[in-house]
N, C-alpha and C. Protein backbone atom coordinates (compact mmCIF):
# COMPACT_ATOMS: atom_id res chain seq x y z
N MET A 1 0.85 -1.18 0.00
CA MET A 1 0.01 0.03 -0.03
C MET A 1 0.86 1.25 -0.04
N GLU A 2 0.53 2.25 -0.75
CA GLU A 2 1.28 3.50 -0.79
C GLU A 2 1.31 4.16 0.52
N THR A 3 2.50 4.48 0.99
CA THR A 3 2.61 5.17 2.27
C THR A 3 3.18 6.57 2.11
N ASP A 4 3.44 7.01 0.90
CA ASP A 4 3.90 8.43 0.68
C ASP A 4 2.76 9.37 1.02
N PRO A 5 2.93 10.32 1.94
CA PRO A 5 1.89 11.15 2.44
C PRO A 5 1.13 11.87 1.28
N VAL A 6 1.85 12.41 0.30
CA VAL A 6 1.18 13.16 -0.78
C VAL A 6 0.29 12.22 -1.60
N LYS A 7 0.82 11.05 -1.94
CA LYS A 7 0.05 10.07 -2.74
C LYS A 7 -1.12 9.50 -1.94
N MET A 8 -0.90 9.33 -0.65
CA MET A 8 -2.00 8.80 0.20
C MET A 8 -3.19 9.84 0.25
N ASP A 9 -2.74 11.11 0.33
CA ASP A 9 -3.78 12.17 0.32
C ASP A 9 -4.54 12.20 -0.95
N ALA A 10 -3.84 12.03 -2.08
CA ALA A 10 -4.47 12.04 -3.39
C ALA A 10 -5.45 10.81 -3.50
N LEU A 11 -5.03 9.64 -3.02
CA LEU A 11 -5.86 8.49 -3.05
C LEU A 11 -7.14 8.69 -2.20
N SER A 12 -7.01 9.28 -1.05
CA SER A 12 -8.10 9.46 -0.11
C SER A 12 -9.17 10.42 -0.71
N LYS A 13 -8.67 11.33 -1.54
CA LYS A 13 -9.61 12.32 -2.19
C LYS A 13 -10.12 11.81 -3.51
N GLY A 14 -9.58 10.70 -4.06
CA GLY A 14 -9.91 10.19 -5.31
C GLY A 14 -10.66 8.89 -5.18
N ALA A 15 -9.95 7.79 -5.48
CA ALA A 15 -10.60 6.53 -5.49
C ALA A 15 -11.17 6.08 -4.15
N PHE A 16 -10.52 6.49 -3.08
CA PHE A 16 -10.95 6.06 -1.71
C PHE A 16 -12.04 6.96 -1.11
N ALA A 17 -12.33 8.05 -1.76
CA ALA A 17 -13.22 9.09 -1.08
C ALA A 17 -14.58 8.53 -0.67
N PRO A 18 -15.26 7.62 -1.40
CA PRO A 18 -16.60 7.17 -0.98
C PRO A 18 -16.60 6.30 0.26
N ILE A 19 -15.47 5.72 0.59
CA ILE A 19 -15.48 4.71 1.66
C ILE A 19 -15.53 5.31 3.05
N TYR A 20 -15.04 6.58 3.25
CA TYR A 20 -14.88 7.10 4.59
C TYR A 20 -16.25 7.47 5.22
N PRO A 21 -17.15 8.15 4.48
CA PRO A 21 -18.48 8.39 5.07
C PRO A 21 -19.21 7.11 5.45
N LEU A 22 -19.11 6.09 4.58
CA LEU A 22 -19.73 4.81 4.85
C LEU A 22 -19.21 4.11 6.11
N ILE A 23 -17.92 4.06 6.17
CA ILE A 23 -17.26 3.46 7.35
C ILE A 23 -17.53 4.24 8.60
N ALA A 24 -17.57 5.56 8.54
CA ALA A 24 -17.93 6.34 9.71
C ALA A 24 -19.35 6.09 10.18
N SER A 25 -20.27 5.88 9.27
CA SER A 25 -21.66 5.58 9.62
C SER A 25 -21.76 4.21 10.24
N GLN A 26 -20.97 3.30 9.72
CA GLN A 26 -20.96 1.90 10.21
C GLN A 26 -20.38 1.89 11.70
N ILE A 27 -19.36 2.64 11.92
CA ILE A 27 -18.80 2.75 13.24
C ILE A 27 -19.84 3.36 14.21
N THR A 28 -20.45 4.43 13.80
CA THR A 28 -21.47 5.04 14.64
C THR A 28 -22.62 4.13 14.99
N GLU A 29 -23.07 3.37 13.97
CA GLU A 29 -24.20 2.46 14.18
C GLU A 29 -23.81 1.31 15.13
N LYS A 30 -22.62 0.77 14.93
CA LYS A 30 -22.22 -0.40 15.77
C LYS A 30 -21.78 0.00 17.15
N ILE A 31 -21.09 1.14 17.31
CA ILE A 31 -20.58 1.54 18.59
C ILE A 31 -21.55 2.40 19.38
N GLY A 32 -22.18 3.35 18.70
CA GLY A 32 -23.16 4.16 19.39
C GLY A 32 -22.55 5.36 20.10
N VAL A 33 -21.27 5.65 19.95
CA VAL A 33 -20.65 6.80 20.58
C VAL A 33 -20.66 7.99 19.58
N LYS A 34 -21.39 9.05 19.99
CA LYS A 34 -21.48 10.22 19.11
C LYS A 34 -20.97 11.48 19.75
N LYS A 35 -20.53 11.42 21.01
CA LYS A 35 -19.90 12.61 21.64
C LYS A 35 -18.82 12.15 22.62
N GLY A 36 -18.04 13.08 23.00
CA GLY A 36 -16.87 12.79 23.83
C GLY A 36 -15.59 12.92 23.05
N ILE A 37 -14.57 12.14 23.51
CA ILE A 37 -13.28 12.13 22.90
C ILE A 37 -13.03 10.96 22.03
N CYS A 38 -12.50 11.19 20.84
CA CYS A 38 -12.18 10.11 19.88
C CYS A 38 -10.71 10.23 19.43
N ILE A 39 -9.99 9.11 19.37
CA ILE A 39 -8.69 9.09 18.72
C ILE A 39 -8.74 8.28 17.46
N ASP A 40 -8.27 8.90 16.39
CA ASP A 40 -8.19 8.20 15.09
C ASP A 40 -6.73 7.80 14.91
N VAL A 41 -6.41 6.55 15.13
CA VAL A 41 -5.02 6.02 15.06
C VAL A 41 -4.54 5.80 13.63
N GLY A 42 -3.38 6.29 13.33
CA GLY A 42 -2.91 6.22 11.91
C GLY A 42 -3.88 6.90 10.96
N ALA A 43 -4.19 8.17 11.38
CA ALA A 43 -5.27 8.93 10.71
C ALA A 43 -4.87 9.34 9.28
N GLY A 44 -3.61 9.34 8.98
CA GLY A 44 -3.25 9.72 7.58
C GLY A 44 -3.69 11.14 7.31
N PRO A 45 -4.32 11.36 6.13
CA PRO A 45 -4.81 12.68 5.80
C PRO A 45 -6.08 13.11 6.47
N ALA A 46 -6.50 12.33 7.44
CA ALA A 46 -7.67 12.71 8.30
C ALA A 46 -9.02 12.45 7.63
N SER A 47 -9.04 11.61 6.65
CA SER A 47 -10.28 11.43 5.91
C SER A 47 -11.40 10.83 6.79
N LEU A 48 -11.06 9.78 7.57
CA LEU A 48 -12.03 9.18 8.48
C LEU A 48 -12.33 10.12 9.64
N SER A 49 -11.39 10.82 10.11
CA SER A 49 -11.63 11.80 11.19
C SER A 49 -12.66 12.83 10.75
N ILE A 50 -12.51 13.36 9.54
CA ILE A 50 -13.44 14.32 8.99
C ILE A 50 -14.80 13.78 8.83
N ALA A 51 -14.89 12.52 8.30
CA ALA A 51 -16.18 11.85 8.07
C ALA A 51 -16.85 11.63 9.43
N MET A 52 -16.17 11.28 10.45
CA MET A 52 -16.71 11.04 11.77
C MET A 52 -17.22 12.33 12.39
N ALA A 53 -16.44 13.38 12.18
CA ALA A 53 -16.85 14.72 12.79
C ALA A 53 -18.14 15.21 12.16
N LYS A 54 -18.37 14.93 10.92
CA LYS A 54 -19.56 15.41 10.20
C LYS A 54 -20.81 14.73 10.71
N ILE A 55 -20.75 13.60 11.33
CA ILE A 55 -21.97 12.91 11.75
C ILE A 55 -22.02 12.72 13.26
N SER A 56 -21.23 13.44 13.95
CA SER A 56 -21.16 13.27 15.44
C SER A 56 -20.83 14.60 16.08
N HIS A 57 -20.76 14.58 17.42
CA HIS A 57 -20.28 15.70 18.22
C HIS A 57 -18.98 15.38 18.84
N LEU A 58 -18.22 14.48 18.30
CA LEU A 58 -17.04 14.05 18.88
C LEU A 58 -15.91 15.11 18.75
N LYS A 59 -15.04 15.22 19.81
CA LYS A 59 -13.75 15.91 19.64
C LYS A 59 -12.73 14.88 19.25
N ILE A 60 -12.12 15.08 18.12
CA ILE A 60 -11.28 14.01 17.54
C ILE A 60 -9.82 14.43 17.45
N TYR A 61 -8.91 13.46 17.88
CA TYR A 61 -7.52 13.64 17.80
C TYR A 61 -7.02 12.73 16.57
N ALA A 62 -6.53 13.30 15.56
CA ALA A 62 -6.08 12.57 14.40
C ALA A 62 -4.58 12.24 14.63
N LEU A 63 -4.27 11.02 15.04
CA LEU A 63 -2.92 10.66 15.42
C LEU A 63 -2.15 9.97 14.22
N ASP A 64 -0.97 10.49 13.98
CA ASP A 64 -0.15 9.87 12.92
C ASP A 64 1.30 9.99 13.27
N VAL A 65 2.12 9.06 12.83
CA VAL A 65 3.50 9.03 13.21
C VAL A 65 4.36 9.92 12.37
N LYS A 66 3.82 10.31 11.19
CA LYS A 66 4.58 11.12 10.27
C LYS A 66 4.23 12.62 10.36
N GLU A 67 5.22 13.44 10.53
CA GLU A 67 5.07 14.88 10.61
C GLU A 67 4.44 15.41 9.33
N GLU A 68 4.89 14.97 8.17
CA GLU A 68 4.38 15.46 6.89
C GLU A 68 2.87 15.10 6.74
N MET A 69 2.51 13.90 7.21
CA MET A 69 1.12 13.54 7.12
C MET A 69 0.28 14.38 8.02
N CYS A 70 0.71 14.74 9.21
CA CYS A 70 -0.05 15.56 10.08
C CYS A 70 -0.22 16.95 9.47
N LYS A 71 0.77 17.49 8.76
CA LYS A 71 0.60 18.78 8.09
C LYS A 71 -0.43 18.74 6.95
N ILE A 72 -0.43 17.63 6.19
CA ILE A 72 -1.48 17.43 5.13
C ILE A 72 -2.84 17.27 5.82
N ALA A 73 -2.97 16.58 6.93
CA ALA A 73 -4.21 16.41 7.62
C ALA A 73 -4.72 17.77 8.04
N GLU A 74 -3.82 18.62 8.61
CA GLU A 74 -4.23 19.93 9.07
C GLU A 74 -4.88 20.76 7.98
N LYS A 75 -4.25 20.76 6.83
CA LYS A 75 -4.81 21.45 5.66
C LYS A 75 -6.25 20.91 5.28
N ASN A 76 -6.38 19.56 5.32
CA ASN A 76 -7.68 18.99 5.00
C ASN A 76 -8.73 19.36 6.01
N ILE A 77 -8.36 19.32 7.26
CA ILE A 77 -9.23 19.67 8.43
C ILE A 77 -9.68 21.15 8.26
N THR A 78 -8.74 22.06 7.98
CA THR A 78 -9.03 23.44 7.77
C THR A 78 -9.97 23.70 6.63
N GLN A 79 -9.77 22.97 5.52
CA GLN A 79 -10.60 23.05 4.34
C GLN A 79 -12.00 22.63 4.64
N ALA A 80 -12.14 21.61 5.50
CA ALA A 80 -13.44 21.07 5.92
C ALA A 80 -14.11 21.93 7.01
N GLU A 81 -13.37 23.00 7.43
CA GLU A 81 -13.90 23.88 8.50
C GLU A 81 -14.19 23.16 9.78
N LEU A 82 -13.27 22.22 10.10
CA LEU A 82 -13.47 21.44 11.34
C LEU A 82 -12.25 21.53 12.31
N SER A 83 -11.57 22.66 12.20
CA SER A 83 -10.36 22.84 13.09
C SER A 83 -10.72 22.86 14.54
N GLU A 84 -11.91 23.28 14.88
CA GLU A 84 -12.27 23.30 16.28
C GLU A 84 -12.67 21.90 16.84
N ARG A 85 -12.87 20.99 15.94
CA ARG A 85 -13.37 19.68 16.33
C ARG A 85 -12.24 18.60 16.20
N ILE A 86 -11.33 18.81 15.23
CA ILE A 86 -10.27 17.81 15.01
C ILE A 86 -8.91 18.46 15.20
N THR A 87 -8.05 17.78 15.95
CA THR A 87 -6.73 18.21 16.24
C THR A 87 -5.68 17.13 15.77
N THR A 88 -4.75 17.53 15.04
CA THR A 88 -3.73 16.51 14.60
C THR A 88 -2.71 16.36 15.75
N VAL A 89 -2.27 15.13 15.93
CA VAL A 89 -1.28 14.80 16.97
C VAL A 89 -0.19 13.86 16.37
N LYS A 90 1.05 14.23 16.40
CA LYS A 90 2.15 13.45 16.02
C LYS A 90 2.42 12.43 17.06
N GLY A 91 2.22 11.13 16.77
CA GLY A 91 2.45 10.15 17.85
C GLY A 91 2.37 8.78 17.27
N ASP A 92 2.76 7.82 18.10
CA ASP A 92 2.89 6.41 17.73
C ASP A 92 1.83 5.60 18.56
N VAL A 93 1.16 4.68 17.83
CA VAL A 93 0.19 3.83 18.52
C VAL A 93 0.76 3.01 19.69
N HIS A 94 2.13 2.73 19.59
CA HIS A 94 2.79 1.93 20.55
C HIS A 94 3.08 2.68 21.81
N ASN A 95 2.96 4.00 21.80
CA ASN A 95 3.19 4.87 22.93
C ASN A 95 2.39 6.18 22.80
N MET A 96 1.08 6.03 22.94
CA MET A 96 0.20 7.17 22.62
C MET A 96 0.25 8.27 23.67
N PRO A 97 0.31 9.53 23.27
CA PRO A 97 0.47 10.68 24.19
C PRO A 97 -0.86 11.09 24.76
N PHE A 98 -1.55 10.16 25.37
CA PHE A 98 -2.79 10.41 26.00
C PHE A 98 -2.90 9.75 27.33
N PRO A 99 -3.58 10.35 28.29
CA PRO A 99 -3.67 9.76 29.69
C PRO A 99 -4.49 8.47 29.74
N ASN A 100 -4.28 7.71 30.74
CA ASN A 100 -5.15 6.55 30.99
C ASN A 100 -6.61 6.92 31.09
N ASN A 101 -7.43 6.08 30.65
CA ASN A 101 -8.92 6.25 30.85
C ASN A 101 -9.45 7.61 30.39
N SER A 102 -9.00 8.09 29.26
CA SER A 102 -9.24 9.45 28.84
C SER A 102 -10.15 9.55 27.57
N THR A 103 -10.38 8.45 26.97
CA THR A 103 -10.97 8.48 25.59
C THR A 103 -12.22 7.62 25.50
N ASP A 104 -13.26 8.16 24.84
CA ASP A 104 -14.56 7.47 24.65
C ASP A 104 -14.50 6.51 23.52
N LEU A 105 -13.70 6.86 22.46
CA LEU A 105 -13.71 6.03 21.24
C LEU A 105 -12.33 6.04 20.64
N VAL A 106 -11.86 4.92 20.22
CA VAL A 106 -10.64 4.81 19.44
C VAL A 106 -11.01 4.09 18.10
N ILE A 107 -10.61 4.75 16.92
CA ILE A 107 -10.89 4.15 15.65
C ILE A 107 -9.59 4.05 14.84
N SER A 108 -9.57 3.14 13.89
CA SER A 108 -8.38 3.08 13.03
C SER A 108 -8.80 2.24 11.78
N ARG A 109 -8.58 2.85 10.62
CA ARG A 109 -8.82 2.11 9.40
C ARG A 109 -7.56 2.10 8.54
N GLY A 110 -7.10 0.85 8.28
CA GLY A 110 -5.97 0.68 7.40
C GLY A 110 -4.57 0.78 7.98
N SER A 111 -4.42 1.13 9.24
CA SER A 111 -3.10 1.27 9.73
C SER A 111 -2.52 0.03 10.47
N VAL A 112 -3.34 -0.93 10.79
CA VAL A 112 -2.93 -2.13 11.50
C VAL A 112 -1.76 -2.84 10.87
N PRO A 113 -1.73 -3.00 9.51
CA PRO A 113 -0.59 -3.73 8.91
C PRO A 113 0.77 -3.04 9.11
N PHE A 114 0.74 -1.77 9.47
CA PHE A 114 1.99 -1.04 9.66
C PHE A 114 2.38 -0.98 11.09
N TRP A 115 1.61 -1.56 12.04
CA TRP A 115 2.02 -1.56 13.42
C TRP A 115 3.10 -2.66 13.62
N LYS A 116 4.15 -2.23 14.36
CA LYS A 116 5.28 -3.18 14.50
C LYS A 116 4.99 -4.21 15.64
N ASP A 117 4.19 -3.91 16.54
CA ASP A 117 3.89 -4.79 17.71
C ASP A 117 2.41 -4.69 18.06
N LEU A 118 1.62 -5.63 17.51
CA LEU A 118 0.18 -5.55 17.73
C LEU A 118 -0.26 -5.61 19.11
N LYS A 119 0.44 -6.52 19.88
CA LYS A 119 0.01 -6.62 21.33
C LYS A 119 0.21 -5.27 22.05
N THR A 120 1.34 -4.63 21.91
CA THR A 120 1.62 -3.36 22.52
C THR A 120 0.60 -2.29 22.04
N ALA A 121 0.31 -2.31 20.77
CA ALA A 121 -0.67 -1.34 20.24
C ALA A 121 -2.06 -1.51 20.90
N PHE A 122 -2.52 -2.73 21.01
CA PHE A 122 -3.80 -2.94 21.58
C PHE A 122 -3.76 -2.66 23.08
N CYS A 123 -2.68 -2.90 23.78
CA CYS A 123 -2.58 -2.56 25.19
C CYS A 123 -2.72 -1.02 25.31
N GLU A 124 -2.10 -0.27 24.42
CA GLU A 124 -2.18 1.15 24.50
C GLU A 124 -3.59 1.70 24.13
N ILE A 125 -4.21 1.03 23.20
CA ILE A 125 -5.63 1.46 22.91
C ILE A 125 -6.54 1.21 24.09
N TYR A 126 -6.37 0.06 24.72
CA TYR A 126 -7.22 -0.27 25.85
C TYR A 126 -6.90 0.66 27.02
N ARG A 127 -5.60 0.97 27.20
CA ARG A 127 -5.15 1.90 28.29
C ARG A 127 -5.84 3.26 28.23
N VAL A 128 -5.91 3.85 27.03
CA VAL A 128 -6.46 5.24 26.86
C VAL A 128 -7.98 5.21 26.95
N LEU A 129 -8.64 4.10 26.73
CA LEU A 129 -10.11 4.02 26.74
C LEU A 129 -10.62 4.28 28.17
N LYS A 130 -11.69 5.06 28.21
CA LYS A 130 -12.41 5.21 29.49
C LYS A 130 -13.16 3.89 29.76
N PRO A 131 -13.42 3.60 31.03
CA PRO A 131 -14.35 2.47 31.29
C PRO A 131 -15.72 2.74 30.63
N GLY A 132 -16.13 1.72 29.87
CA GLY A 132 -17.35 1.91 29.05
C GLY A 132 -17.05 2.39 27.65
N GLY A 133 -15.79 2.76 27.37
CA GLY A 133 -15.38 3.25 26.07
C GLY A 133 -15.27 2.08 25.07
N ALA A 134 -15.07 2.38 23.79
CA ALA A 134 -15.06 1.39 22.73
C ALA A 134 -14.03 1.69 21.73
N ALA A 135 -13.62 0.68 20.98
CA ALA A 135 -12.62 0.83 19.88
C ALA A 135 -13.14 0.07 18.70
N TYR A 136 -12.85 0.57 17.48
CA TYR A 136 -13.26 -0.06 16.26
C TYR A 136 -12.02 -0.03 15.37
N ILE A 137 -11.32 -1.15 15.26
CA ILE A 137 -10.03 -1.15 14.67
C ILE A 137 -9.96 -2.21 13.51
N GLY A 138 -9.39 -1.82 12.39
CA GLY A 138 -9.26 -2.82 11.30
C GLY A 138 -9.06 -2.20 9.97
N GLY A 139 -9.67 -2.79 8.98
CA GLY A 139 -9.54 -2.27 7.59
C GLY A 139 -10.69 -2.83 6.69
N GLY A 140 -11.01 -2.07 5.70
CA GLY A 140 -12.05 -2.50 4.77
C GLY A 140 -12.53 -1.35 3.95
N PHE A 141 -13.50 -1.61 3.07
CA PHE A 141 -13.99 -0.60 2.11
C PHE A 141 -15.47 -0.26 2.28
N GLY A 142 -16.06 -0.82 3.34
CA GLY A 142 -17.46 -0.44 3.61
C GLY A 142 -18.45 -1.44 3.10
N ASN A 143 -18.29 -1.86 1.82
CA ASN A 143 -19.16 -2.91 1.29
C ASN A 143 -18.44 -3.52 0.07
N HIS A 144 -19.07 -4.62 -0.45
CA HIS A 144 -18.50 -5.41 -1.52
C HIS A 144 -18.41 -4.58 -2.83
N GLN A 145 -19.38 -3.80 -3.06
CA GLN A 145 -19.40 -2.99 -4.35
C GLN A 145 -18.24 -2.07 -4.41
N LEU A 146 -18.11 -1.32 -3.28
CA LEU A 146 -16.96 -0.36 -3.21
C LEU A 146 -15.59 -1.02 -3.33
N LYS A 147 -15.48 -2.17 -2.70
CA LYS A 147 -14.22 -2.94 -2.75
C LYS A 147 -13.83 -3.35 -4.15
N GLU A 148 -14.84 -3.88 -4.88
CA GLU A 148 -14.58 -4.28 -6.26
C GLU A 148 -14.29 -3.12 -7.17
N LYS A 149 -15.00 -2.01 -6.96
CA LYS A 149 -14.76 -0.77 -7.78
C LYS A 149 -13.34 -0.29 -7.54
N LEU A 150 -12.98 -0.25 -6.27
CA LEU A 150 -11.63 0.31 -5.93
C LEU A 150 -10.53 -0.62 -6.45
N LYS A 151 -10.73 -1.89 -6.36
CA LYS A 151 -9.75 -2.89 -6.88
C LYS A 151 -9.49 -2.61 -8.34
N LYS A 152 -10.58 -2.37 -9.10
CA LYS A 152 -10.50 -2.16 -10.56
C LYS A 152 -9.79 -0.88 -10.82
N GLU A 153 -10.12 0.18 -10.03
CA GLU A 153 -9.49 1.51 -10.27
C GLU A 153 -8.00 1.49 -9.93
N LEU A 154 -7.64 0.75 -8.81
CA LEU A 154 -6.26 0.67 -8.45
C LEU A 154 -5.44 -0.16 -9.42
N ASN A 155 -6.01 -1.23 -9.99
CA ASN A 155 -5.37 -2.04 -11.02
C ASN A 155 -5.16 -1.21 -12.28
N ASN A 156 -6.11 -0.33 -12.60
CA ASN A 156 -5.96 0.55 -13.75
C ASN A 156 -4.75 1.49 -13.54
N GLU A 157 -4.69 2.03 -12.31
CA GLU A 157 -3.57 2.96 -11.98
C GLU A 157 -2.27 2.22 -12.09
N LYS A 158 -2.25 0.98 -11.65
CA LYS A 158 -1.02 0.18 -11.70
C LYS A 158 -0.63 -0.03 -13.16
N THR A 159 -1.59 -0.27 -14.04
CA THR A 159 -1.31 -0.58 -15.42
C THR A 159 -0.72 0.72 -16.09
N LYS A 160 -1.37 1.83 -15.76
CA LYS A 160 -0.93 3.11 -16.32
C LYS A 160 0.55 3.48 -15.92
N SER A 161 0.83 3.25 -14.64
CA SER A 161 2.11 3.68 -14.07
C SER A 161 3.19 2.63 -14.26
N GLY A 162 2.73 1.37 -14.42
CA GLY A 162 3.70 0.31 -14.58
C GLY A 162 4.35 -0.06 -13.23
N GLU A 163 3.82 0.49 -12.19
CA GLU A 163 4.35 0.17 -10.86
C GLU A 163 3.34 -0.36 -9.97
N ASN A 164 3.73 -1.21 -9.02
CA ASN A 164 2.81 -1.80 -8.06
C ASN A 164 2.83 -0.94 -6.75
N ASN A 165 2.40 0.30 -6.95
CA ASN A 165 2.36 1.19 -5.79
C ASN A 165 1.04 1.08 -4.97
N PHE A 166 0.11 0.31 -5.47
CA PHE A 166 -1.24 0.36 -4.97
C PHE A 166 -1.61 -1.02 -4.27
N LYS A 167 -0.67 -1.80 -3.94
CA LYS A 167 -1.00 -2.99 -3.29
C LYS A 167 -1.60 -2.77 -1.87
N ILE A 168 -2.68 -3.38 -1.66
CA ILE A 168 -3.43 -3.19 -0.37
C ILE A 168 -3.01 -4.20 0.60
N PRO A 169 -2.38 -3.82 1.74
CA PRO A 169 -2.01 -4.89 2.71
C PRO A 169 -3.21 -5.46 3.42
N LYS A 170 -3.09 -6.69 3.63
CA LYS A 170 -4.25 -7.43 4.37
C LYS A 170 -3.91 -7.71 5.81
N ILE A 171 -4.95 -7.62 6.56
CA ILE A 171 -4.82 -7.94 8.04
C ILE A 171 -5.10 -9.39 8.22
N ASN A 172 -4.21 -10.02 8.92
CA ASN A 172 -4.37 -11.48 9.22
C ASN A 172 -5.28 -11.65 10.40
N ILE A 173 -6.39 -12.29 10.22
CA ILE A 173 -7.41 -12.43 11.26
C ILE A 173 -6.86 -13.18 12.49
N ASP A 174 -6.06 -14.22 12.28
CA ASP A 174 -5.52 -14.98 13.37
C ASP A 174 -4.54 -14.14 14.18
N LYS A 175 -3.68 -13.33 13.53
CA LYS A 175 -2.73 -12.51 14.22
C LYS A 175 -3.45 -11.40 15.00
N LEU A 176 -4.51 -10.89 14.34
CA LEU A 176 -5.28 -9.83 14.99
C LEU A 176 -5.96 -10.34 16.32
N GLU A 177 -6.58 -11.49 16.18
CA GLU A 177 -7.24 -12.05 17.42
C GLU A 177 -6.25 -12.41 18.47
N LYS A 178 -5.06 -13.02 18.03
CA LYS A 178 -4.04 -13.35 19.00
C LYS A 178 -3.49 -12.18 19.77
N ALA A 179 -3.33 -11.06 19.03
CA ALA A 179 -2.80 -9.84 19.61
C ALA A 179 -3.77 -9.26 20.64
N VAL A 180 -5.02 -9.31 20.29
CA VAL A 180 -6.08 -8.78 21.31
C VAL A 180 -6.08 -9.64 22.53
N ASN A 181 -6.01 -10.90 22.34
CA ASN A 181 -5.98 -11.83 23.50
C ASN A 181 -4.72 -11.67 24.35
N LYS A 182 -3.57 -11.52 23.71
CA LYS A 182 -2.30 -11.29 24.41
C LYS A 182 -2.32 -9.98 25.21
N ALA A 183 -3.07 -8.98 24.68
CA ALA A 183 -3.21 -7.69 25.37
C ALA A 183 -4.10 -7.76 26.60
N GLY A 184 -4.68 -8.95 26.83
CA GLY A 184 -5.52 -9.14 27.99
C GLY A 184 -6.94 -8.60 27.80
N ILE A 185 -7.33 -8.42 26.55
CA ILE A 185 -8.67 -7.89 26.28
C ILE A 185 -9.68 -9.01 26.01
N ASN A 186 -10.66 -9.03 26.84
CA ASN A 186 -11.66 -10.12 26.81
C ASN A 186 -12.99 -9.78 26.13
N ASN A 187 -13.38 -8.49 26.23
CA ASN A 187 -14.64 -8.11 25.74
C ASN A 187 -14.49 -7.54 24.31
N TYR A 188 -14.51 -8.41 23.35
CA TYR A 188 -14.39 -7.93 21.99
C TYR A 188 -15.08 -8.90 21.05
N ILE A 189 -15.42 -8.34 19.88
CA ILE A 189 -15.94 -9.27 18.75
C ILE A 189 -15.18 -8.99 17.51
N LEU A 190 -15.06 -10.02 16.68
CA LEU A 190 -14.42 -9.83 15.35
C LEU A 190 -15.54 -9.72 14.31
N ILE A 191 -15.39 -8.75 13.47
CA ILE A 191 -16.32 -8.56 12.33
C ILE A 191 -15.57 -8.85 11.04
N ASN A 192 -15.96 -9.84 10.26
CA ASN A 192 -15.33 -10.19 9.03
C ASN A 192 -16.40 -10.44 8.00
N ASP A 193 -16.76 -9.36 7.35
CA ASP A 193 -17.82 -9.41 6.39
C ASP A 193 -17.57 -8.44 5.27
N ASP A 194 -18.57 -8.03 4.50
CA ASP A 194 -18.29 -7.19 3.27
C ASP A 194 -17.79 -5.80 3.69
N SER A 195 -18.00 -5.39 4.97
CA SER A 195 -17.46 -4.12 5.39
C SER A 195 -15.96 -4.12 5.60
N GLY A 196 -15.40 -5.37 5.83
CA GLY A 196 -13.99 -5.53 6.05
C GLY A 196 -13.69 -6.38 7.24
N LEU A 197 -12.50 -6.33 7.71
CA LEU A 197 -12.13 -7.10 8.95
C LEU A 197 -11.86 -6.12 10.07
N TRP A 198 -12.66 -6.18 11.12
CA TRP A 198 -12.58 -5.26 12.24
C TRP A 198 -12.66 -5.99 13.59
N VAL A 199 -12.10 -5.41 14.56
CA VAL A 199 -12.25 -5.85 15.91
C VAL A 199 -12.97 -4.71 16.65
N LEU A 200 -14.04 -5.02 17.32
CA LEU A 200 -14.82 -4.09 18.11
C LEU A 200 -14.56 -4.45 19.59
N ILE A 201 -13.96 -3.45 20.29
CA ILE A 201 -13.59 -3.67 21.66
C ILE A 201 -14.37 -2.80 22.58
N ARG A 202 -14.86 -3.35 23.73
CA ARG A 202 -15.51 -2.48 24.73
C ARG A 202 -14.80 -2.66 26.02
N LYS A 203 -14.46 -1.59 26.72
CA LYS A 203 -13.81 -1.61 28.00
C LYS A 203 -14.79 -1.70 29.11
N SER A 204 -14.62 -2.70 29.96
CA SER A 204 -15.67 -2.86 30.98
C SER A 204 -15.66 -1.67 31.94
N ILE A 205 -16.78 -1.42 32.56
CA ILE A 205 -16.95 -0.31 33.46
C ILE A 205 -16.28 -0.58 34.80
N ASN A 206 -16.30 -1.86 35.22
CA ASN A 206 -15.66 -2.20 36.45
C ASN A 206 -14.12 -2.38 36.30
């Protein structure tokens, strides 16, 4: 998958543009969290953060490890007139700059394959969640139709450029579940359907 910030931004505004509003609505429907604090891990150009902000009252922190990506995200957030709702944060999922029990919702789409230590990442996600908070982590395109359309468009781009810059990394379901279990997280469900592969985590109140 292309990780160059400029090219990722172009993809998110082009071929990938339709998936973010759909995934945002699916997160909202499944989780039910529409206000409070949200962290978008591996937010990239903040496409999902922006889509979430438009359908909720969440205060969102768009977390990304790359400084250049954070700058691109800031421009996109400003253009969307959401600067008061979304703040970019340069940081790593393995050591997030947020207090314990501080966040109502953690989301991430497409960044899991780039995490170096899944167990540590999920420990961090669980750490920052408030009791009763939830996380929606994984990857996908929202539905089968969009997935097939995007695959065709990306293959066309590959043919034009002659380069395989658009390979989409897959999340291994067994590795994902093993990492969640190793992190000591018990209250979760795996979603593996046309929307993609996701793990939905809820932090117990007790």
